[in-house]
Amino acid sequence: MSASKRLKEARKYIGITQQQLADKLGLKQTQIKDIEIERQKVSVEIAQKMEIFYTISGWWLLTGQGEMIKKEAAESLAEDEKKMIESYRKLQPERREWYFFKIVAESMD
């Protein structure tokens, strides 16, 4: 699998649109699209940002070696935290904000 396909796989795993990823990485949506259809390559800078912002392994993204999720990040979470993150990632983007604020509001009670 190419780095471009791995970027798309990671983006879908995170559960965000091309536009949302572009905004986070400081790129244009068309650049993400061009990478995903292999018109452009995944840069080291993009790999680094994916690791910082999403704990996606930059090494995996560039080479395909190892695991998609940085092991240290995954191991530092409790099982219930992992489940909560997985549930959040499955939500539609418009539902995420509502979910976040609901959790915050409940924690203040």
PDB file of N, CA and C in Angstrom:
ATOM      1  N   MET A   1       0.853  -1.167   0.000  1.00  0.00           N
ATOM      2  CA  MET A   1       0.000   0.000   0.000  1.00  0.00           C
ATOM      3  C   MET A   1       0.908   1.242   0.000  1.00  0.00           C
ATOM      4  N   SER A   2       0.542   2.222  -0.777  1.00  0.00           N
ATOM      5  CA  SER A   2       1.334   3.448  -0.895  1.00  0.00           C
ATOM      6  C   SER A   2       1.093   4.377   0.296  1.00  0.00           C
ATOM      7  N   ALA A   3       1.998   5.332   0.471  1.00  0.00           N
ATOM      8  CA  ALA A   3       1.845   6.329   1.532  1.00  0.00           C
ATOM      9  C   ALA A   3       0.552   7.118   1.336  1.00  0.00           C
ATOM     10  N   SER A   4       0.190   7.373   0.099  1.00  0.00           N
ATOM     11  CA  SER A   4      -1.046   8.093  -0.195  1.00  0.00           C
ATOM     12  C   SER A   4      -2.260   7.314   0.306  1.00  0.00           C
ATOM     13  N   LYS A   5      -2.258   6.017   0.061  1.00  0.00           N
ATOM     14  CA  LYS A   5      -3.369   5.172   0.527  1.00  0.00           C
ATOM     15  C   LYS A   5      -3.373   5.093   2.057  1.00  0.00           C
ATOM     16  N   ARG A   6      -2.171   5.068   2.661  1.00  0.00           N
ATOM     17  CA  ARG A   6      -2.105   5.029   4.121  1.00  0.00           C
ATOM     18  C   ARG A   6      -2.636   6.336   4.723  1.00  0.00           C
ATOM     19  N   LEU A   7      -2.360   7.469   4.078  1.00  0.00           N
ATOM     20  CA  LEU A   7      -2.893   8.735   4.574  1.00  0.00           C
ATOM     21  C   LEU A   7      -4.423   8.704   4.550  1.00  0.00           C
ATOM     22  N   LYS A   8      -4.981   8.212   3.460  1.00  0.00           N
ATOM     23  CA  LYS A   8      -6.438   8.124   3.354  1.00  0.00           C
ATOM     24  C   LYS A   8      -6.991   7.173   4.423  1.00  0.00           C
ATOM     25  N   GLU A   9      -6.328   6.038   4.608  1.00  0.00           N
ATOM     26  CA  GLU A   9      -6.758   5.086   5.633  1.00  0.00           C
ATOM     27  C   GLU A   9      -6.723   5.733   7.017  1.00  0.00           C
ATOM     28  N   ALA A  10      -5.657   6.470   7.307  1.00  0.00           N
ATOM     29  CA  ALA A  10      -5.528   7.138   8.602  1.00  0.00           C
ATOM     30  C   ALA A  10      -6.617   8.197   8.770  1.00  0.00           C
ATOM     31  N   ARG A  11      -6.860   8.972   7.722  1.00  0.00           N
ATOM     32  CA  ARG A  11      -7.890  10.009   7.788  1.00  0.00           C
ATOM     33  C   ARG A  11      -9.250   9.387   8.077  1.00  0.00           C
ATOM     34  N   LYS A  12      -9.562   8.303   7.405  1.00  0.00           N
ATOM     35  CA  LYS A  12     -10.856   7.643   7.625  1.00  0.00           C
ATOM     36  C   LYS A  12     -10.916   7.014   9.020  1.00  0.00           C
ATOM     37  N   TYR A  13      -9.806   6.486   9.482  1.00  0.00           N
ATOM     38  CA  TYR A  13      -9.750   5.916  10.835  1.00  0.00           C
ATOM     39  C   TYR A  13     -10.035   7.003  11.863  1.00  0.00           C
ATOM     40  N   ILE A  14      -9.439   8.177  11.669  1.00  0.00           N
ATOM     41  CA  ILE A  14      -9.656   9.306  12.572  1.00  0.00           C
ATOM     42  C   ILE A  14     -11.102   9.777  12.467  1.00  0.00           C
ATOM     43  N   GLY A  15     -11.667   9.648  11.272  1.00  0.00           N
ATOM     44  CA  GLY A  15     -13.070  10.019  11.069  1.00  0.00           C
ATOM     45  C   GLY A  15     -13.259  11.472  10.698  1.00  0.00           C
ATOM     46  N   ILE A  16     -12.348  12.005   9.891  1.00  0.00           N
ATOM     47  CA  ILE A  16     -12.459  13.400   9.481  1.00  0.00           C
ATOM     48  C   ILE A  16     -12.475  13.503   7.963  1.00  0.00           C
ATOM     49  N   THR A  17     -12.943  14.637   7.488  1.00  0.00           N
ATOM     50  CA  THR A  17     -13.002  14.882   6.049  1.00  0.00           C
ATOM     51  C   THR A  17     -11.644  15.372   5.549  1.00  0.00           C
ATOM     52  N   GLN A  18     -11.500  15.387   4.234  1.00  0.00           N
ATOM     53  CA  GLN A  18     -10.288  15.949   3.645  1.00  0.00           C
ATOM     54  C   GLN A  18     -10.118  17.400   4.067  1.00  0.00           C
ATOM     55  N   GLN A  19     -11.212  18.150   4.104  1.00  0.00           N
ATOM     56  CA  GLN A  19     -11.147  19.566   4.487  1.00  0.00           C
ATOM     57  C   GLN A  19     -10.692  19.727   5.929  1.00  0.00           C
ATOM     58  N   GLN A  20     -11.229  18.910   6.813  1.00  0.00           N
ATOM     59  CA  GLN A  20     -10.837  19.000   8.222  1.00  0.00           C
ATOM     60  C   GLN A  20      -9.356  18.676   8.405  1.00  0.00           C
ATOM     61  N   LEU A  21      -8.881  17.657   7.685  1.00  0.00           N
ATOM     62  CA  LEU A  21      -7.467  17.306   7.765  1.00  0.00           C
ATOM     63  C   LEU A  21      -6.606  18.434   7.201  1.00  0.00           C
ATOM     64  N   ALA A  22      -7.013  18.972   6.070  1.00  0.00           N
ATOM     65  CA  ALA A  22      -6.274  20.070   5.460  1.00  0.00           C
ATOM     66  C   ALA A  22      -6.179  21.258   6.411  1.00  0.00           C
ATOM     67  N   ASP A  23      -7.284  21.603   7.046  1.00  0.00           N
ATOM     68  CA  ASP A  23      -7.295  22.719   7.984  1.00  0.00           C
ATOM     69  C   ASP A  23      -6.308  22.486   9.128  1.00  0.00           C
ATOM     70  N   LYS A  24      -6.302  21.280   9.667  1.00  0.00           N
ATOM     71  CA  LYS A  24      -5.418  20.956  10.799  1.00  0.00           C
ATOM     72  C   LYS A  24      -3.947  20.987  10.379  1.00  0.00           C
ATOM     73  N   LEU A  25      -3.667  20.541   9.153  1.00  0.00           N
ATOM     74  CA  LEU A  25      -2.281  20.458   8.680  1.00  0.00           C
ATOM     75  C   LEU A  25      -1.804  21.747   8.018  1.00  0.00           C
ATOM     76  N   GLY A  26      -2.710  22.714   7.867  1.00  0.00           N
ATOM     77  CA  GLY A  26      -2.328  23.964   7.216  1.00  0.00           C
ATOM     78  C   GLY A  26      -2.195  23.843   5.716  1.00  0.00           C
ATOM     79  N   LEU A  27      -3.027  22.980   5.130  1.00  0.00           N
ATOM     80  CA  LEU A  27      -3.003  22.743   3.688  1.00  0.00           C
ATOM     81  C   LEU A  27      -4.362  23.090   3.091  1.00  0.00           C
ATOM     82  N   LYS A  28      -4.451  22.979   1.780  1.00  0.00           N
ATOM     83  CA  LYS A  28      -5.726  23.127   1.085  1.00  0.00           C
ATOM     84  C   LYS A  28      -6.333  21.739   0.902  1.00  0.00           C
ATOM     85  N   GLN A  29      -7.656  21.696   0.838  1.00  0.00           N
ATOM     86  CA  GLN A  29      -8.344  20.412   0.647  1.00  0.00           C
ATOM     87  C   GLN A  29      -7.888  19.748  -0.638  1.00  0.00           C
ATOM     88  N   THR A  30      -7.624  20.535  -1.667  1.00  0.00           N
ATOM     89  CA  THR A  30      -7.188  19.959  -2.946  1.00  0.00           C
ATOM     90  C   THR A  30      -5.828  19.273  -2.821  1.00  0.00           C
ATOM     91  N   GLN A  31      -4.988  19.759  -1.905  1.00  0.00           N
ATOM     92  CA  GLN A  31      -3.699  19.101  -1.691  1.00  0.00           C
ATOM     93  C   GLN A  31      -3.886  17.715  -1.076  1.00  0.00           C
ATOM     94  N   ILE A  32      -4.801  17.619  -0.122  1.00  0.00           N
ATOM     95  CA  ILE A  32      -5.090  16.312   0.492  1.00  0.00           C
ATOM     96  C   ILE A  32      -5.664  15.378  -0.570  1.00  0.00           C
ATOM     97  N   LYS A  33      -6.590  15.891  -1.368  1.00  0.00           N
ATOM     98  CA  LYS A  33      -7.178  15.076  -2.440  1.00  0.00           C
ATOM     99  C   LYS A  33      -6.087  14.588  -3.388  1.00  0.00           C
ATOM    100  N   ASP A  34      -5.189  15.488  -3.790  1.00  0.00           N
ATOM    101  CA  ASP A  34      -4.115  15.119  -4.715  1.00  0.00           C
ATOM    102  C   ASP A  34      -3.171  14.078  -4.119  1.00  0.00           C
ATOM    103  N   ILE A  35      -2.939  14.163  -2.811  1.00  0.00           N
ATOM    104  CA  ILE A  35      -2.111  13.141  -2.160  1.00  0.00           C
ATOM    105  C   ILE A  35      -2.847  11.806  -2.168  1.00  0.00           C
ATOM    106  N   GLU A  36      -4.115  11.834  -1.819  1.00  0.00           N
ATOM    107  CA  GLU A  36      -4.876  10.585  -1.730  1.00  0.00           C
ATOM    108  C   GLU A  36      -5.045   9.897  -3.080  1.00  0.00           C
ATOM    109  N   ILE A  37      -5.029  10.651  -4.165  1.00  0.00           N
ATOM    110  CA  ILE A  37      -5.135  10.021  -5.491  1.00  0.00           C
ATOM    111  C   ILE A  37      -3.764   9.902  -6.152  1.00  0.00           C
ATOM    112  N   GLU A  38      -2.729  10.100  -5.343  1.00  0.00           N
ATOM    113  CA  GLU A  38      -1.335   9.866  -5.732  1.00  0.00           C
ATOM    114  C   GLU A  38      -0.801  10.823  -6.791  1.00  0.00           C
ATOM    115  N   ARG A  39      -1.342  12.034  -6.833  1.00  0.00           N
ATOM    116  CA  ARG A  39      -0.770  13.079  -7.685  1.00  0.00           C
ATOM    117  C   ARG A  39       0.385  13.766  -6.976  1.00  0.00           C
ATOM    118  N   GLN A  40       0.330  13.768  -5.645  1.00  0.00           N
ATOM    119  CA  GLN A  40       1.393  14.323  -4.814  1.00  0.00           C
ATOM    120  C   GLN A  40       1.809  13.263  -3.811  1.00  0.00           C
ATOM    121  N   LYS A  41       2.992  13.445  -3.245  1.00  0.00           N
ATOM    122  CA  LYS A  41       3.494  12.503  -2.246  1.00  0.00           C
ATOM    123  C   LYS A  41       3.255  13.028  -0.839  1.00  0.00           C
ATOM    124  N   VAL A  42       3.207  12.106   0.100  1.00  0.00           N
ATOM    125  CA  VAL A  42       3.131  12.459   1.514  1.00  0.00           C
ATOM    126  C   VAL A  42       4.519  12.954   1.918  1.00  0.00           C
ATOM    127  N   SER A  43       4.581  14.163   2.417  1.00  0.00           N
ATOM    128  CA  SER A  43       5.872  14.729   2.817  1.00  0.00           C
ATOM    129  C   SER A  43       6.221  14.320   4.249  1.00  0.00           C
ATOM    130  N   VAL A  44       7.480  14.485   4.591  1.00  0.00           N
ATOM    131  CA  VAL A  44       7.917  14.232   5.958  1.00  0.00           C
ATOM    132  C   VAL A  44       7.193  15.183   6.904  1.00  0.00           C
ATOM    133  N   GLU A  45       6.980  16.420   6.484  1.00  0.00           N
ATOM    134  CA  GLU A  45       6.278  17.400   7.313  1.00  0.00           C
ATOM    135  C   GLU A  45       4.848  16.938   7.620  1.00  0.00           C
ATOM    136  N   ILE A  46       4.157  16.418   6.617  1.00  0.00           N
ATOM    137  CA  ILE A  46       2.793  15.907   6.837  1.00  0.00           C
ATOM    138  C   ILE A  46       2.834  14.726   7.804  1.00  0.00           C
ATOM    139  N   ALA A  47       3.794  13.826   7.612  1.00  0.00           N
ATOM    140  CA  ALA A  47       3.922  12.668   8.500  1.00  0.00           C
ATOM    141  C   ALA A  47       4.164  13.111   9.938  1.00  0.00           C
ATOM    142  N   GLN A  48       5.007  14.122  10.118  1.00  0.00           N
ATOM    143  CA  GLN A  48       5.283  14.629  11.466  1.00  0.00           C
ATOM    144  C   GLN A  48       4.033  15.226  12.092  1.00  0.00           C
ATOM    145  N   LYS A  49       3.295  15.997  11.325  1.00  0.00           N
ATOM    146  CA  LYS A  49       2.076  16.616  11.854  1.00  0.00           C
ATOM    147  C   LYS A  49       1.018  15.566  12.188  1.00  0.00           C
ATOM    148  N   MET A  50       0.906  14.523  11.375  1.00  0.00           N
ATOM    149  CA  MET A  50      -0.050  13.455  11.662  1.00  0.00           C
ATOM    150  C   MET A  50       0.300  12.779  12.987  1.00  0.00           C
ATOM    151  N   GLU A  51       1.579  12.647  13.244  1.00  0.00           N
ATOM    152  CA  GLU A  51       2.025  12.032  14.488  1.00  0.00           C
ATOM    153  C   GLU A  51       1.716  12.939  15.683  1.00  0.00           C
ATOM    154  N   ILE A  52       1.961  14.221  15.525  1.00  0.00           N
ATOM    155  CA  ILE A  52       1.727  15.180  16.613  1.00  0.00           C
ATOM    156  C   ILE A  52       0.240  15.347  16.899  1.00  0.00           C
ATOM    157  N   PHE A  53      -0.544  15.573  15.849  1.00  0.00           N
ATOM    158  CA  PHE A  53      -1.957  15.884  16.039  1.00  0.00           C
ATOM    159  C   PHE A  53      -2.837  14.663  16.274  1.00  0.00           C
ATOM    160  N   TYR A  54      -2.476  13.525  15.663  1.00  0.00           N
ATOM    161  CA  TYR A  54      -3.385  12.367  15.688  1.00  0.00           C
ATOM    162  C   TYR A  54      -2.751  11.078  16.198  1.00  0.00           C
ATOM    163  N   THR A  55      -1.520  11.111  16.636  1.00  0.00           N
ATOM    164  CA  THR A  55      -0.750   9.938  17.073  1.00  0.00           C
ATOM    165  C   THR A  55      -0.674   8.840  16.006  1.00  0.00           C
ATOM    166  N   ILE A  56      -0.793   9.249  14.747  1.00  0.00           N
ATOM    167  CA  ILE A  56      -0.564   8.324  13.634  1.00  0.00           C
ATOM    168  C   ILE A  56       0.946   8.248  13.442  1.00  0.00           C
ATOM    169  N   SER A  57       1.481   7.070  13.402  1.00  0.00           N
ATOM    170  CA  SER A  57       2.927   6.909  13.270  1.00  0.00           C
ATOM    171  C   SER A  57       3.412   7.475  11.932  1.00  0.00           C
ATOM    172  N   GLY A  58       4.306   8.444  12.019  1.00  0.00           N
ATOM    173  CA  GLY A  58       4.892   9.014  10.809  1.00  0.00           C
ATOM    174  C   GLY A  58       5.698   7.979  10.038  1.00  0.00           C
ATOM    175  N   TRP A  59       6.378   7.105  10.757  1.00  0.00           N
ATOM    176  CA  TRP A  59       7.160   6.042  10.128  1.00  0.00           C
ATOM    177  C   TRP A  59       6.238   5.111   9.338  1.00  0.00           C
ATOM    178  N   TRP A  60       5.134   4.714   9.959  1.00  0.00           N
ATOM    179  CA  TRP A  60       4.169   3.861   9.264  1.00  0.00           C
ATOM    180  C   TRP A  60       3.620   4.580   8.035  1.00  0.00           C
ATOM    181  N   LEU A  61       3.280   5.845   8.204  1.00  0.00           N
ATOM    182  CA  LEU A  61       2.697   6.603   7.105  1.00  0.00           C
ATOM    183  C   LEU A  61       3.642   6.653   5.908  1.00  0.00           C
ATOM    184  N   LEU A  62       4.911   6.885   6.152  1.00  0.00           N
ATOM    185  CA  LEU A  62       5.881   7.020   5.057  1.00  0.00           C
ATOM    186  C   LEU A  62       6.352   5.681   4.494  1.00  0.00           C
ATOM    187  N   THR A  63       6.483   4.665   5.364  1.00  0.00           N
ATOM    188  CA  THR A  63       7.102   3.407   4.913  1.00  0.00           C
ATOM    189  C   THR A  63       6.171   2.210   4.893  1.00  0.00           C
ATOM    190  N   GLY A  64       5.084   2.281   5.659  1.00  0.00           N
ATOM    191  CA  GLY A  64       4.202   1.122   5.785  1.00  0.00           C
ATOM    192  C   GLY A  64       4.676   0.130   6.835  1.00  0.00           C
ATOM    193  N   GLN A  65       5.773   0.440   7.499  1.00  0.00           N
ATOM    194  CA  GLN A  65       6.324  -0.471   8.515  1.00  0.00           C
ATOM    195  C   GLN A  65       5.803  -0.092   9.898  1.00  0.00           C
ATOM    196  N   GLY A  66       5.533  -1.106  10.693  1.00  0.00           N
ATOM    197  CA  GLY A  66       5.044  -0.882  12.046  1.00  0.00           C
ATOM    198  C   GLY A  66       3.525  -0.728  12.073  1.00  0.00           C
ATOM    199  N   GLU A  67       3.050  -0.149  13.155  1.00  0.00           N
ATOM    200  CA  GLU A  67       1.617   0.019  13.373  1.00  0.00           C
ATOM    201  C   GLU A  67       1.179   1.436  13.015  1.00  0.00           C
ATOM    202  N   MET A  68      -0.081   1.582  12.627  1.00  0.00           N
ATOM    203  CA  MET A  68      -0.606   2.897  12.268  1.00  0.00           C
ATOM    204  C   MET A  68      -0.604   3.843  13.479  1.00  0.00           C
ATOM    205  N   ILE A  69      -1.027   3.354  14.618  1.00  0.00           N
ATOM    206  CA  ILE A  69      -1.109   4.184  15.818  1.00  0.00           C
ATOM    207  C   ILE A  69       0.185   4.032  16.607  1.00  0.00           C
ATOM    208  N   LYS A  70       0.747   5.168  17.017  1.00  0.00           N
ATOM    209  CA  LYS A  70       1.956   5.112  17.830  1.00  0.00           C
ATOM    210  C   LYS A  70       1.677   4.295  19.077  1.00  0.00           C
ATOM    211  N   LYS A  71       2.485   3.307  19.309  1.00  0.00           N
ATOM    212  CA  LYS A  71       2.271   2.379  20.404  1.00  0.00           C
ATOM    213  C   LYS A  71       2.238   3.078  21.758  1.00  0.00           C
ATOM    214  N   GLU A  72       3.152   4.023  21.971  1.00  0.00           N
ATOM    215  CA  GLU A  72       3.199   4.716  23.262  1.00  0.00           C
ATOM    216  C   GLU A  72       1.876   5.407  23.546  1.00  0.00           C
ATOM    217  N   ALA A  73       1.284   6.016  22.534  1.00  0.00           N
ATOM    218  CA  ALA A  73       0.021   6.727  22.725  1.00  0.00           C
ATOM    219  C   ALA A  73      -1.097   5.748  23.070  1.00  0.00           C
ATOM    220  N   ALA A  74      -1.163   4.648  22.342  1.00  0.00           N
ATOM    221  CA  ALA A  74      -2.215   3.664  22.570  1.00  0.00           C
ATOM    222  C   ALA A  74      -2.063   3.002  23.937  1.00  0.00           C
ATOM    223  N   GLU A  75      -0.824   2.746  24.353  1.00  0.00           N
ATOM    224  CA  GLU A  75      -0.606   2.058  25.626  1.00  0.00           C
ATOM    225  C   GLU A  75      -0.894   2.943  26.824  1.00  0.00           C
ATOM    226  N   SER A  76      -0.837   4.245  26.641  1.00  0.00           N
ATOM    227  CA  SER A  76      -1.038   5.145  27.775  1.00  0.00           C
ATOM    228  C   SER A  76      -2.516   5.334  28.115  1.00  0.00           C
ATOM    229  N   LEU A  77      -3.405   4.837  27.287  1.00  0.00           N
ATOM    230  CA  LEU A  77      -4.830   4.982  27.521  1.00  0.00           C
ATOM    231  C   LEU A  77      -5.406   3.759  28.214  1.00  0.00           C
ATOM    232  N   ALA A  78      -6.337   4.008  29.120  1.00  0.00           N
ATOM    233  CA  ALA A  78      -7.077   2.918  29.745  1.00  0.00           C
ATOM    234  C   ALA A  78      -8.065   2.363  28.723  1.00  0.00           C
ATOM    235  N   GLU A  79      -8.561   1.161  28.943  1.00  0.00           N
ATOM    236  CA  GLU A  79      -9.484   0.520  27.997  1.00  0.00           C
ATOM    237  C   GLU A  79     -10.741   1.347  27.785  1.00  0.00           C
ATOM    238  N   ASP A  80     -11.307   1.920  28.855  1.00  0.00           N
ATOM    239  CA  ASP A  80     -12.518   2.722  28.699  1.00  0.00           C
ATOM    240  C   ASP A  80     -12.232   3.991  27.888  1.00  0.00           C
ATOM    241  N   GLU A  81     -11.029   4.543  28.015  1.00  0.00           N
ATOM    242  CA  GLU A  81     -10.652   5.715  27.217  1.00  0.00           C
ATOM    243  C   GLU A  81     -10.534   5.348  25.743  1.00  0.00           C
ATOM    244  N   LYS A  82      -9.967   4.189  25.471  1.00  0.00           N
ATOM    245  CA  LYS A  82      -9.846   3.722  24.086  1.00  0.00           C
ATOM    246  C   LYS A  82     -11.228   3.540  23.459  1.00  0.00           C
ATOM    247  N   LYS A  83     -12.155   2.957  24.232  1.00  0.00           N
ATOM    248  CA  LYS A  83     -13.516   2.748  23.728  1.00  0.00           C
ATOM    249  C   LYS A  83     -14.213   4.075  23.463  1.00  0.00           C
ATOM    250  N   MET A  84     -14.002   5.040  24.359  1.00  0.00           N
ATOM    251  CA  MET A  84     -14.616   6.345  24.181  1.00  0.00           C
ATOM    252  C   MET A  84     -14.080   7.028  22.914  1.00  0.00           C
ATOM    253  N   ILE A  85     -12.802   6.930  22.686  1.00  0.00           N
ATOM    254  CA  ILE A  85     -12.207   7.527  21.486  1.00  0.00           C
ATOM    255  C   ILE A  85     -12.736   6.844  20.235  1.00  0.00           C
ATOM    256  N   GLU A  86     -12.819   5.529  20.254  1.00  0.00           N
ATOM    257  CA  GLU A  86     -13.350   4.793  19.105  1.00  0.00           C
ATOM    258  C   GLU A  86     -14.791   5.203  18.816  1.00  0.00           C
ATOM    259  N   SER A  87     -15.595   5.349  19.873  1.00  0.00           N
ATOM    260  CA  SER A  87     -16.994   5.773  19.699  1.00  0.00           C
ATOM    261  C   SER A  87     -17.052   7.169  19.110  1.00  0.00           C
ATOM    262  N   TYR A  88     -16.215   8.045  19.616  1.00  0.00           N
ATOM    263  CA  TYR A  88     -16.170   9.426  19.117  1.00  0.00           C
ATOM    264  C   TYR A  88     -15.799   9.448  17.636  1.00  0.00           C
ATOM    265  N   ARG A  89     -14.828   8.656  17.244  1.00  0.00           N
ATOM    266  CA  ARG A  89     -14.372   8.643  15.852  1.00  0.00           C
ATOM    267  C   ARG A  89     -15.433   8.104  14.901  1.00  0.00           C
ATOM    268  N   LYS A  90     -16.359   7.327  15.409  1.00  0.00           N
ATOM    269  CA  LYS A  90     -17.423   6.784  14.571  1.00  0.00           C
ATOM    270  C   LYS A  90     -18.558   7.781  14.337  1.00  0.00           C
ATOM    271  N   LEU A  91     -18.582   8.851  15.144  1.00  0.00           N
ATOM    272  CA  LEU A  91     -19.633   9.859  14.998  1.00  0.00           C
ATOM    273  C   LEU A  91     -19.446  10.675  13.727  1.00  0.00           C
ATOM    274  N   GLN A  92     -20.550  11.139  13.175  1.00  0.00           N
ATOM    275  CA  GLN A  92     -20.496  12.081  12.060  1.00  0.00           C
ATOM    276  C   GLN A  92     -19.893  13.386  12.581  1.00  0.00           C
ATOM    277  N   PRO A  93     -19.148  14.104  11.740  1.00  0.00           N
ATOM    278  CA  PRO A  93     -18.494  15.337  12.207  1.00  0.00           C
ATOM    279  C   PRO A  93     -19.422  16.319  12.910  1.00  0.00           C
ATOM    280  N   GLU A  94     -20.643  16.464  12.422  1.00  0.00           N
ATOM    281  CA  GLU A  94     -21.559  17.424  13.036  1.00  0.00           C
ATOM    282  C   GLU A  94     -22.022  16.981  14.423  1.00  0.00           C
ATOM    283  N   ARG A  95     -21.944  15.692  14.711  1.00  0.00           N
ATOM    284  CA  ARG A  95     -22.348  15.186  16.024  1.00  0.00           C
ATOM    285  C   ARG A  95     -21.212  15.276  17.035  1.00  0.00           C
ATOM    286  N   ARG A  96     -19.970  15.381  16.581  1.00  0.00           N
ATOM    287  CA  ARG A  96     -18.830  15.384  17.490  1.00  0.00           C
ATOM    288  C   ARG A  96     -18.846  16.568  18.444  1.00  0.00           C
ATOM    289  N   GLU A  97     -19.151  17.749  17.923  1.00  0.00           N
ATOM    290  CA  GLU A  97     -19.160  18.935  18.773  1.00  0.00           C
ATOM    291  C   GLU A  97     -20.223  18.792  19.861  1.00  0.00           C
ATOM    292  N   TRP A  98     -21.410  18.331  19.469  1.00  0.00           N
ATOM    293  CA  TRP A  98     -22.476  18.115  20.434  1.00  0.00           C
ATOM    294  C   TRP A  98     -22.022  17.123  21.497  1.00  0.00           C
ATOM    295  N   TYR A  99     -21.431  16.029  21.099  1.00  0.00           N
ATOM    296  CA  TYR A  99     -20.971  14.986  22.012  1.00  0.00           C
ATOM    297  C   TYR A  99     -19.939  15.547  22.983  1.00  0.00           C
ATOM    298  N   PHE A 100     -18.996  16.304  22.460  1.00  0.00           N
ATOM    299  CA  PHE A 100     -17.956  16.885  23.289  1.00  0.00           C
ATOM    300  C   PHE A 100     -18.560  17.777  24.373  1.00  0.00           C
ATOM    301  N   PHE A 101     -19.438  18.684  23.978  1.00  0.00           N
ATOM    302  CA  PHE A 101     -20.030  19.600  24.936  1.00  0.00           C
ATOM    303  C   PHE A 101     -20.932  18.876  25.938  1.00  0.00           C
ATOM    304  N   LYS A 102     -21.578  17.811  25.510  1.00  0.00           N
ATOM    305  CA  LYS A 102     -22.401  17.011  26.422  1.00  0.00           C
ATOM    306  C   LYS A 102     -21.523  16.396  27.513  1.00  0.00           C
ATOM    307  N   ILE A 103     -20.398  15.838  27.120  1.00  0.00           N
ATOM    308  CA  ILE A 103     -19.479  15.215  28.078  1.00  0.00           C
ATOM    309  C   ILE A 103     -18.928  16.265  29.051  1.00  0.00           C
ATOM    310  N   VAL A 104     -18.548  17.417  28.520  1.00  0.00           N
ATOM    311  CA  VAL A 104     -18.022  18.484  29.363  1.00  0.00           C
ATOM    312  C   VAL A 104     -19.087  18.945  30.358  1.00  0.00           C
ATOM    313  N   ALA A 105     -20.312  19.138  29.881  1.00  0.00           N
ATOM    314  CA  ALA A 105     -21.396  19.591  30.746  1.00  0.00           C
ATOM    315  C   ALA A 105     -21.663  18.567  31.848  1.00  0.00           C
ATOM    316  N   GLU A 106     -21.656  17.286  31.496  1.00  0.00           N
ATOM    317  CA  GLU A 106     -21.915  16.242  32.489  1.00  0.00           C
ATOM    318  C   GLU A 106     -20.801  16.188  33.539  1.00  0.00           C
ATOM    319  N   SER A 107     -19.590  16.492  33.115  1.00  0.00           N
ATOM    320  CA  SER A 107     -18.479  16.440  34.071  1.00  0.00           C
ATOM    321  C   SER A 107     -18.516  17.600  35.066  1.00  0.00           C
ATOM    322  N   MET A 108     -19.281  18.631  34.749  1.00  0.00           N
ATOM    323  CA  MET A 108     -19.365  19.801  35.626  1.00  0.00           C
ATOM    324  C   MET A 108     -20.446  19.645  36.695  1.00  0.00           C
ATOM    325  N   ASP A 109     -21.304  18.658  36.539  1.00  0.00           N
ATOM    326  CA  ASP A 109     -22.388  18.444  37.514  1.00  0.00           C
ATOM    327  C   ASP A 109     -21.858  17.968  38.841  1.00  0.00           C
TER     328      ASP A 109
END
